Amino acid sequence: GFQFSSIDSLIKKPSKATYTYTDINESSITRNNDFNILQYNI
């Protein structure tokens, strides 16, 4: 729904998840690649 929030309060929110950029994926058995950064660009 709608949100009317200050930028300051948004910044202070806890991190929702941690994503990591790596060239190595874990095996298909463990399936623990959900928080890998697939690609990024500055």
All heavy atoms as atom14 arrays in JSON, in Angstrom:
{
  "sequence": "GFQFSSIDSLIKKPSKATYTYTDINESSITRNNDFNILQYNI",
  "atom14_mask": [
    [1, 1, 1, 1, 0, 0, 0, 0, 0, 0, 0, 0, 0, 0],
    [1, 1, 1, 1, 1, 1, 1, 1, 1, 1, 1, 0, 0, 0],
    [1, 1, 1, 1, 1, 1, 1, 1, 1, 0, 0, 0, 0, 0],
    [1, 1, 1, 1, 1, 1, 1, 1, 1, 1, 1, 0, 0, 0],
    [1, 1, 1, 1, 1, 1, 0, 0, 0, 0, 0, 0, 0, 0],
    [1, 1, 1, 1, 1, 1, 0, 0, 0, 0, 0, 0, 0, 0],
    [1, 1, 1, 1, 1, 1, 1, 1, 0, 0, 0, 0, 0, 0],
    [1, 1, 1, 1, 1, 1, 1, 1, 0, 0, 0, 0, 0, 0],
    [1, 1, 1, 1, 1, 1, 0, 0, 0, 0, 0, 0, 0, 0],
    [1, 1, 1, 1, 1, 1, 1, 1, 0, 0, 0, 0, 0, 0],
    [1, 1, 1, 1, 1, 1, 1, 1, 0, 0, 0, 0, 0, 0],
    [1, 1, 1, 1, 1, 1, 1, 1, 1, 0, 0, 0, 0, 0],
    [1, 1, 1, 1, 1, 1, 1, 1, 1, 0, 0, 0, 0, 0],
    [1, 1, 1, 1, 1, 1, 1, 0, 0, 0, 0, 0, 0, 0],
    [1, 1, 1, 1, 1, 1, 0, 0, 0, 0, 0, 0, 0, 0],
    [1, 1, 1, 1, 1, 1, 1, 1, 1, 0, 0, 0, 0, 0],
    [1, 1, 1, 1, 1, 0, 0, 0, 0, 0, 0, 0, 0, 0],
    [1, 1, 1, 1, 1, 1, 1, 0, 0, 0, 0, 0, 0, 0],
    [1, 1, 1, 1, 1, 1, 1, 1, 1, 1, 1, 1, 0, 0],
    [1, 1, 1, 1, 1, 1, 1, 0, 0, 0, 0, 0, 0, 0],
    [1, 1, 1, 1, 1, 1, 1, 1, 1, 1, 1, 1, 0, 0],
    [1, 1, 1, 1, 1, 1, 1, 0, 0, 0, 0, 0, 0, 0],
    [1, 1, 1, 1, 1, 1, 1, 1, 0, 0, 0, 0, 0, 0],
    [1, 1, 1, 1, 1, 1, 1, 1, 0, 0, 0, 0, 0, 0],
    [1, 1, 1, 1, 1, 1, 1, 1, 0, 0, 0, 0, 0, 0],
    [1, 1, 1, 1, 1, 1, 1, 1, 1, 0, 0, 0, 0, 0],
    [1, 1, 1, 1, 1, 1, 0, 0, 0, 0, 0, 0, 0, 0],
    [1, 1, 1, 1, 1, 1, 0, 0, 0, 0, 0, 0, 0, 0],
    [1, 1, 1, 1, 1, 1, 1, 1, 0, 0, 0, 0, 0, 0],
    [1, 1, 1, 1, 1, 1, 1, 0, 0, 0, 0, 0, 0, 0],
    [1, 1, 1, 1, 1, 1, 1, 1, 1, 1, 1, 0, 0, 0],
    [1, 1, 1, 1, 1, 1, 1, 1, 0, 0, 0, 0, 0, 0],
    [1, 1, 1, 1, 1, 1, 1, 1, 0, 0, 0, 0, 0, 0],
    [1, 1, 1, 1, 1, 1, 1, 1, 0, 0, 0, 0, 0, 0],
    [1, 1, 1, 1, 1, 1, 1, 1, 1, 1, 1, 0, 0, 0],
    [1, 1, 1, 1, 1, 1, 1, 1, 0, 0, 0, 0, 0, 0],
    [1, 1, 1, 1, 1, 1, 1, 1, 0, 0, 0, 0, 0, 0],
    [1, 1, 1, 1, 1, 1, 1, 1, 0, 0, 0, 0, 0, 0],
    [1, 1, 1, 1, 1, 1, 1, 1, 1, 0, 0, 0, 0, 0],
    [1, 1, 1, 1, 1, 1, 1, 1, 1, 1, 1, 1, 0, 0],
    [1, 1, 1, 1, 1, 1, 1, 1, 0, 0, 0, 0, 0, 0],
    [1, 1, 1, 1, 1, 1, 1, 1, 0, 0, 0, 0, 0, 0]
  ],
  "atom14_positions": [
    [[0.82, -1.21, 0.0], [0.0, 0.0, 0.0], [0.85, 1.25, 0.0], [2.05, 1.23, -0.28], [0.0, 0.0, 0.0], [0.0, 0.0, 0.0], [0.0, 0.0, 0.0], [0.0, 0.0, 0.0], [0.0, 0.0, 0.0], [0.0, 0.0, 0.0], [0.0, 0.0, 0.0], [0.0, 0.0, 0.0], [0.0, 0.0, 0.0], [0.0, 0.0, 0.0]],
    [[0.22, 2.4, 0.32], [0.92, 3.68, 0.33], [1.91, 3.75, 1.49], [1.72, 3.13, 2.54], [-0.08, 4.84, 0.47], [-0.88, 5.11, -0.77], [-2.26, 5.19, -0.73], [-0.25, 5.3, -1.99], [-3.0, 5.45, -1.86], [-0.97, 5.56, -3.14], [-2.35, 5.64, -3.08], [0.0, 0.0, 0.0], [0.0, 0.0, 0.0], [0.0, 0.0, 0.0]],
    [[2.95, 4.57, 1.3], [3.91, 4.88, 2.35], [4.23, 6.37, 2.29], [4.55, 6.89, 1.23], [5.2, 4.07, 2.17], [5.05, 2.58, 2.33], [4.67, 2.17, 3.74], [5.16, 2.76, 4.71], [3.81, 1.18, 3.88], [0.0, 0.0, 0.0], [0.0, 0.0, 0.0], [0.0, 0.0, 0.0], [0.0, 0.0, 0.0], [0.0, 0.0, 0.0]],
    [[4.11, 7.05, 3.44], [4.5, 8.45, 3.57], [5.55, 8.48, 4.66], [5.24, 8.53, 5.85], [3.28, 9.31, 3.94], [3.53, 10.8, 3.9], [3.42, 11.52, 2.72], [3.88, 11.48, 5.06], [3.66, 12.88, 2.68], [4.11, 12.84, 5.05], [3.99, 13.54, 3.85], [0.0, 0.0, 0.0], [0.0, 0.0, 0.0], [0.0, 0.0, 0.0]],
    [[6.83, 8.42, 4.25], [7.92, 8.2, 5.21], [9.05, 9.18, 4.96], [9.28, 9.61, 3.82], [8.46, 6.77, 5.1], [7.45, 5.82, 5.29], [0.0, 0.0, 0.0], [0.0, 0.0, 0.0], [0.0, 0.0, 0.0], [0.0, 0.0, 0.0], [0.0, 0.0, 0.0], [0.0, 0.0, 0.0], [0.0, 0.0, 0.0], [0.0, 0.0, 0.0]],
    [[9.78, 9.5, 6.02], [10.97, 10.33, 5.88], [12.11, 9.48, 5.37], [12.2, 8.27, 5.65], [11.35, 10.97, 7.22], [11.78, 9.97, 8.13], [0.0, 0.0, 0.0], [0.0, 0.0, 0.0], [0.0, 0.0, 0.0], [0.0, 0.0, 0.0], [0.0, 0.0, 0.0], [0.0, 0.0, 0.0], [0.0, 0.0, 0.0], [0.0, 0.0, 0.0]],
    [[12.99, 10.09, 4.59], [14.17, 9.39, 4.1], [15.03, 8.95, 5.27], [15.62, 7.87, 5.26], [14.96, 10.29, 3.13], [14.11, 10.58, 1.89], [16.28, 9.64, 2.73], [14.74, 11.56, 0.93], [0.0, 0.0, 0.0], [0.0, 0.0, 0.0], [0.0, 0.0, 0.0], [0.0, 0.0, 0.0], [0.0, 0.0, 0.0], [0.0, 0.0, 0.0]],
    [[15.07, 9.78, 6.31], [15.86, 9.45, 7.49], [15.39, 8.15, 8.14], [16.2, 7.32, 8.54], [15.77, 10.6, 8.49], [17.09, 10.87, 9.18], [18.06, 11.17, 8.46], [17.15, 10.77, 10.41], [0.0, 0.0, 0.0], [0.0, 0.0, 0.0], [0.0, 0.0, 0.0], [0.0, 0.0, 0.0], [0.0, 0.0, 0.0], [0.0, 0.0, 0.0]],
    [[14.08, 7.97, 8.27], [13.56, 6.75, 8.91], [13.76, 5.53, 8.01], [13.99, 4.42, 8.5], [12.08, 6.91, 9.25], [11.28, 7.01, 8.1], [0.0, 0.0, 0.0], [0.0, 0.0, 0.0], [0.0, 0.0, 0.0], [0.0, 0.0, 0.0], [0.0, 0.0, 0.0], [0.0, 0.0, 0.0], [0.0, 0.0, 0.0], [0.0, 0.0, 0.0]],
    [[13.69, 5.71, 6.68], [13.95, 4.6, 5.77], [15.4, 4.15, 5.9], [15.7, 2.95, 5.89], [13.67, 5.02, 4.33], [12.2, 5.28, 3.95], [12.11, 5.76, 2.5], [11.33, 4.05, 4.16], [0.0, 0.0, 0.0], [0.0, 0.0, 0.0], [0.0, 0.0, 0.0], [0.0, 0.0, 0.0], [0.0, 0.0, 0.0], [0.0, 0.0, 0.0]],
    [[16.32, 5.11, 6.02], [17.73, 4.79, 6.15], [18.01, 4.01, 7.43], [18.87, 3.12, 7.46], [18.57, 6.08, 6.1], [18.68, 6.58, 4.65], [19.96, 5.88, 6.69], [19.42, 7.88, 4.5], [0.0, 0.0, 0.0], [0.0, 0.0, 0.0], [0.0, 0.0, 0.0], [0.0, 0.0, 0.0], [0.0, 0.0, 0.0], [0.0, 0.0, 0.0]],
    [[17.27, 4.31, 8.49], [17.53, 3.68, 9.79], [16.9, 2.3, 9.93], [17.12, 1.62, 10.94], [17.03, 4.59, 10.91], [17.85, 5.85, 11.09], [17.49, 6.59, 12.37], [16.08, 7.12, 12.32], [15.75, 7.92, 13.52], [0.0, 0.0, 0.0], [0.0, 0.0, 0.0], [0.0, 0.0, 0.0], [0.0, 0.0, 0.0], [0.0, 0.0, 0.0]],
    [[16.14, 1.86, 8.92], [15.53, 0.53, 9.01], [16.6, -0.56, 8.98], [17.63, -0.39, 8.33], [14.54, 0.32, 7.86], [13.29, 1.16, 7.95], [12.2, 0.65, 7.01], [12.65, 0.57, 5.58], [11.54, 0.17, 4.67], [0.0, 0.0, 0.0], [0.0, 0.0, 0.0], [0.0, 0.0, 0.0], [0.0, 0.0, 0.0], [0.0, 0.0, 0.0]],
    [[16.36, -1.68, 9.65], [17.35, -2.78, 9.59], [17.42, -3.37, 8.19], [16.46, -3.3, 7.41], [16.79, -3.79, 10.59], [15.33, -3.49, 10.69], [15.21, -2.0, 10.5], [0.0, 0.0, 0.0], [0.0, 0.0, 0.0], [0.0, 0.0, 0.0], [0.0, 0.0, 0.0], [0.0, 0.0, 0.0], [0.0, 0.0, 0.0], [0.0, 0.0, 0.0]],
    [[18.55, -3.93, 7.88], [18.75, -4.54, 6.56], [17.82, -5.73, 6.37], [17.68, -6.58, 7.26], [20.21, -4.97, 6.41], [20.42, -5.62, 5.17], [0.0, 0.0, 0.0], [0.0, 0.0, 0.0], [0.0, 0.0, 0.0], [0.0, 0.0, 0.0], [0.0, 0.0, 0.0], [0.0, 0.0, 0.0], [0.0, 0.0, 0.0], [0.0, 0.0, 0.0]],
    [[17.17, -5.81, 5.22], [16.2, -6.86, 4.93], [16.9, -8.18, 4.58], [16.41, -9.26, 4.88], [15.32, -6.41, 3.76], [14.01, -7.18, 3.62], [12.92, -6.52, 4.42], [11.57, -7.2, 4.2], [10.81, -6.58, 3.1], [0.0, 0.0, 0.0], [0.0, 0.0, 0.0], [0.0, 0.0, 0.0], [0.0, 0.0, 0.0], [0.0, 0.0, 0.0]],
    [[18.03, -8.1, 3.89], [18.77, -9.3, 3.49], [20.19, -8.88, 3.1], [20.46, -7.7, 2.86], [18.08, -10.0, 2.32], [0.0, 0.0, 0.0], [0.0, 0.0, 0.0], [0.0, 0.0, 0.0], [0.0, 0.0, 0.0], [0.0, 0.0, 0.0], [0.0, 0.0, 0.0], [0.0, 0.0, 0.0], [0.0, 0.0, 0.0], [0.0, 0.0, 0.0]],
    [[21.08, -9.86, 3.05], [22.47, -9.61, 2.66], [22.76, -10.35, 1.36], [22.57, -11.57, 1.29], [23.45, -10.06, 3.74], [23.2, -9.31, 4.95], [24.89, -9.83, 3.31], [0.0, 0.0, 0.0], [0.0, 0.0, 0.0], [0.0, 0.0, 0.0], [0.0, 0.0, 0.0], [0.0, 0.0, 0.0], [0.0, 0.0, 0.0], [0.0, 0.0, 0.0]],
    [[23.22, -9.62, 0.33], [23.53, -10.2, -0.97], [25.03, -10.1, -1.21], [25.65, -9.06, -0.91], [22.76, -9.5, -2.08], [21.29, -9.88, -2.11], [20.35, -9.17, -1.37], [20.86, -10.96, -2.88], [19.01, -9.53, -1.39], [19.52, -11.33, -2.91], [18.61, -10.61, -2.16], [17.29, -10.97, -2.19], [0.0, 0.0, 0.0], [0.0, 0.0, 0.0]],
    [[25.6, -11.16, -1.77], [27.05, -11.24, -1.97], [27.37, -11.51, -3.43], [26.72, -12.36, -4.06], [27.65, -12.37, -1.11], [27.27, -12.17, 0.26], [29.16, -12.38, -1.21], [0.0, 0.0, 0.0], [0.0, 0.0, 0.0], [0.0, 0.0, 0.0], [0.0, 0.0, 0.0], [0.0, 0.0, 0.0], [0.0, 0.0, 0.0], [0.0, 0.0, 0.0]],
    [[28.34, -10.78, -3.95], [28.78, -11.03, -5.32], [29.95, -12.0, -5.28], [30.95, -11.78, -4.6], [29.21, -9.74, -6.01], [29.58, -9.94, -7.45], [28.6, -10.06, -8.43], [30.92, -10.06, -7.84], [28.93, -10.27, -9.76], [31.26, -10.27, -9.16], [30.26, -10.38, -10.12], [30.59, -10.6, -11.44], [0.0, 0.0, 0.0], [0.0, 0.0, 0.0]],
    [[29.83, -13.1, -6.01], [30.89, -14.1, -6.06], [30.88, -14.77, -7.42], [29.84, -14.86, -8.08], [30.71, -15.16, -4.95], [31.7, -16.17, -5.11], [29.32, -15.81, -5.04], [0.0, 0.0, 0.0], [0.0, 0.0, 0.0], [0.0, 0.0, 0.0], [0.0, 0.0, 0.0], [0.0, 0.0, 0.0], [0.0, 0.0, 0.0], [0.0, 0.0, 0.0]],
    [[32.05, -15.23, -7.83], [32.16, -15.95, -9.1], [31.88, -17.43, -8.93], [31.83, -18.18, -9.91], [33.57, -15.78, -9.68], [33.84, -14.34, -10.1], [32.88, -13.66, -10.48], [35.01, -13.91, -10.03], [0.0, 0.0, 0.0], [0.0, 0.0, 0.0], [0.0, 0.0, 0.0], [0.0, 0.0, 0.0], [0.0, 0.0, 0.0], [0.0, 0.0, 0.0]],
    [[31.71, -17.87, -7.68], [31.52, -19.3, -7.42], [30.15, -19.53, -6.81], [29.82, -18.96, -5.77], [32.6, -19.83, -6.44], [34.0, -19.56, -7.02], [32.39, -21.31, -6.16], [35.12, -19.91, -6.08], [0.0, 0.0, 0.0], [0.0, 0.0, 0.0], [0.0, 0.0, 0.0], [0.0, 0.0, 0.0], [0.0, 0.0, 0.0], [0.0, 0.0, 0.0]],
    [[29.33, -20.35, -7.45], [28.04, -20.75, -6.91], [28.18, -22.07, -6.16], [29.01, -22.92, -6.51], [27.01, -20.92, -8.03], [26.52, -19.59, -8.55], [26.69, -18.56, -7.9], [25.93, -19.6, -9.73], [0.0, 0.0, 0.0], [0.0, 0.0, 0.0], [0.0, 0.0, 0.0], [0.0, 0.0, 0.0], [0.0, 0.0, 0.0], [0.0, 0.0, 0.0]],
    [[27.36, -22.23, -5.14], [27.37, -23.5, -4.43], [26.71, -24.57, -5.29], [26.05, -24.28, -6.28], [26.65, -23.34, -3.08], [27.37, -22.37, -2.16], [26.82, -22.4, -0.75], [26.19, -23.42, -0.4], [27.01, -21.42, -0.02], [0.0, 0.0, 0.0], [0.0, 0.0, 0.0], [0.0, 0.0, 0.0], [0.0, 0.0, 0.0], [0.0, 0.0, 0.0]],
    [[26.87, -25.79, -4.9], [26.38, -26.91, -5.7], [24.88, -26.87, -5.85], [24.16, -26.3, -5.04], [26.81, -28.23, -5.06], [26.09, -28.45, -3.87], [0.0, 0.0, 0.0], [0.0, 0.0, 0.0], [0.0, 0.0, 0.0], [0.0, 0.0, 0.0], [0.0, 0.0, 0.0], [0.0, 0.0, 0.0], [0.0, 0.0, 0.0], [0.0, 0.0, 0.0]],
    [[24.39, -27.53, -6.9], [22.95, -27.57, -7.15], [22.23, -28.39, -6.09], [21.01, -28.36, -6.0], [22.69, -28.17, -8.53], [23.26, -29.47, -8.63], [0.0, 0.0, 0.0], [0.0, 0.0, 0.0], [0.0, 0.0, 0.0], [0.0, 0.0, 0.0], [0.0, 0.0, 0.0], [0.0, 0.0, 0.0], [0.0, 0.0, 0.0], [0.0, 0.0, 0.0]],
    [[22.97, -29.17, -5.29], [22.34, -29.99, -4.25], [21.91, -29.12, -3.08], [20.8, -29.22, -2.57], [23.31, -31.09, -3.78], [23.66, -32.0, -4.95], [22.7, -31.88, -2.64], [24.69, -33.06, -4.6], [0.0, 0.0, 0.0], [0.0, 0.0, 0.0], [0.0, 0.0, 0.0], [0.0, 0.0, 0.0], [0.0, 0.0, 0.0], [0.0, 0.0, 0.0]],
    [[22.79, -28.21, -2.65], [22.46, -27.37, -1.5], [21.51, -26.24, -1.87], [20.76, -25.76, -1.03], [23.74, -26.77, -0.9], [24.41, -26.0, -1.92], [24.68, -27.87, -0.42], [0.0, 0.0, 0.0], [0.0, 0.0, 0.0], [0.0, 0.0, 0.0], [0.0, 0.0, 0.0], [0.0, 0.0, 0.0], [0.0, 0.0, 0.0], [0.0, 0.0, 0.0]],
    [[21.55, -25.8, -3.13], [20.64, -24.74, -3.59], [20.67, -23.51, -2.68], [19.64, -22.99, -2.29], [19.2, -25.28, -3.66], [18.97, -26.31, -4.74], [19.12, -25.7, -6.12], [18.72, -26.63, -7.16], [18.86, -26.41, -8.45], [19.41, -25.28, -8.86], [18.48, -27.29, -9.35], [0.0, 0.0, 0.0], [0.0, 0.0, 0.0], [0.0, 0.0, 0.0]],
    [[21.86, -23.06, -2.34], [21.98, -21.93, -1.43], [22.54, -20.71, -2.16], [23.4, -20.02, -1.67], [22.87, -22.3, -0.24], [22.74, -21.3, 0.89], [21.74, -20.59, 0.97], [23.72, -21.25, 1.75], [0.0, 0.0, 0.0], [0.0, 0.0, 0.0], [0.0, 0.0, 0.0], [0.0, 0.0, 0.0], [0.0, 0.0, 0.0], [0.0, 0.0, 0.0]],
    [[22.04, -20.47, -3.38], [22.51, -19.33, -4.16], [21.49, -18.2, -4.22], [21.62, -17.3, -5.05], [22.84, -19.79, -5.59], [23.9, -20.88, -5.63], [24.89, -20.77, -4.94], [23.65, -21.93, -6.41], [0.0, 0.0, 0.0], [0.0, 0.0, 0.0], [0.0, 0.0, 0.0], [0.0, 0.0, 0.0], [0.0, 0.0, 0.0], [0.0, 0.0, 0.0]],
    [[20.48, -18.25, -3.38], [19.4, -17.28, -3.44], [19.85, -15.86, -3.14], [19.17, -14.9, -3.52], [18.28, -17.67, -2.47], [17.55, -18.93, -2.9], [17.87, -19.43, -3.99], [16.7, -19.42, -2.14], [0.0, 0.0, 0.0], [0.0, 0.0, 0.0], [0.0, 0.0, 0.0], [0.0, 0.0, 0.0], [0.0, 0.0, 0.0], [0.0, 0.0, 0.0]],
    [[20.98, -15.71, -2.45], [21.41, -14.37, -2.05], [22.75, -13.99, -2.7], [23.52, -13.23, -2.15], [21.48, -14.27, -0.53], [20.14, -14.5, 0.11], [19.79, -15.76, 0.6], [19.2, -13.48, 0.17], [18.55, -15.98, 1.15], [17.95, -13.7, 0.72], [17.62, -14.96, 1.21], [0.0, 0.0, 0.0], [0.0, 0.0, 0.0], [0.0, 0.0, 0.0]],
    [[22.97, -14.57, -3.87], [24.09, -14.17, -4.7], [23.66, -13.04, -5.63], [22.52, -13.03, -6.11], [24.6, -15.33, -5.55], [25.44, -16.31, -4.74], [25.76, -16.06, -3.58], [25.79, -17.43, -5.36], [0.0, 0.0, 0.0], [0.0, 0.0, 0.0], [0.0, 0.0, 0.0], [0.0, 0.0, 0.0], [0.0, 0.0, 0.0], [0.0, 0.0, 0.0]],
    [[24.56, -12.09, -5.86], [24.31, -11.04, -6.85], [24.66, -11.6, -8.21], [25.82, -11.96, -8.46], [25.15, -9.79, -6.53], [24.78, -9.24, -5.15], [24.96, -8.72, -7.59], [25.7, -8.13, -4.65], [0.0, 0.0, 0.0], [0.0, 0.0, 0.0], [0.0, 0.0, 0.0], [0.0, 0.0, 0.0], [0.0, 0.0, 0.0], [0.0, 0.0, 0.0]],
    [[23.69, -11.71, -9.09], [23.92, -12.29, -10.4], [24.76, -11.37, -11.27], [25.67, -11.82, -11.97], [22.59, -12.61, -11.09], [21.65, -13.54, -10.31], [20.36, -13.76, -11.08], [22.33, -14.87, -10.01], [0.0, 0.0, 0.0], [0.0, 0.0, 0.0], [0.0, 0.0, 0.0], [0.0, 0.0, 0.0], [0.0, 0.0, 0.0], [0.0, 0.0, 0.0]],
    [[24.44, -10.08, -11.23], [25.26, -9.09, -11.94], [24.96, -7.71, -11.37], [23.88, -7.49, -10.81], [24.97, -9.1, -13.45], [23.56, -8.69, -13.82], [23.35, -8.69, -15.33], [23.76, -9.6, -16.02], [22.69, -7.66, -15.82], [0.0, 0.0, 0.0], [0.0, 0.0, 0.0], [0.0, 0.0, 0.0], [0.0, 0.0, 0.0], [0.0, 0.0, 0.0]],
    [[25.92, -6.81, -11.49], [25.7, -5.45, -11.01], [26.52, -4.47, -11.83], [27.51, -4.84, -12.46], [26.02, -5.33, -9.51], [27.49, -5.26, -9.17], [28.12, -4.04, -8.95], [28.24, -6.43, -9.07], [29.46, -3.98, -8.63], [29.59, -6.38, -8.76], [30.2, -5.15, -8.53], [31.53, -5.1, -8.22], [0.0, 0.0, 0.0], [0.0, 0.0, 0.0]],
    [[26.08, -3.23, -11.8], [26.76, -2.2, -12.55], [26.64, -0.88, -11.78], [25.55, -0.52, -11.33], [26.13, -2.04, -13.95], [26.86, -0.99, -14.78], [28.04, -1.13, -15.04], [26.15, 0.04, -15.17], [0.0, 0.0, 0.0], [0.0, 0.0, 0.0], [0.0, 0.0, 0.0], [0.0, 0.0, 0.0], [0.0, 0.0, 0.0], [0.0, 0.0, 0.0]],
    [[27.75, -0.18, -11.61], [27.73, 1.13, -10.92], [27.35, 2.19, -11.94], [28.13, 2.54, -12.82], [29.1, 1.43, -10.29], [29.44, 0.36, -9.25], [29.08, 2.81, -9.63], [30.82, 0.52, -8.64], [0.0, 0.0, 0.0], [0.0, 0.0, 0.0], [0.0, 0.0, 0.0], [0.0, 0.0, 0.0], [0.0, 0.0, 0.0], [0.0, 0.0, 0.0]]
  ]
}
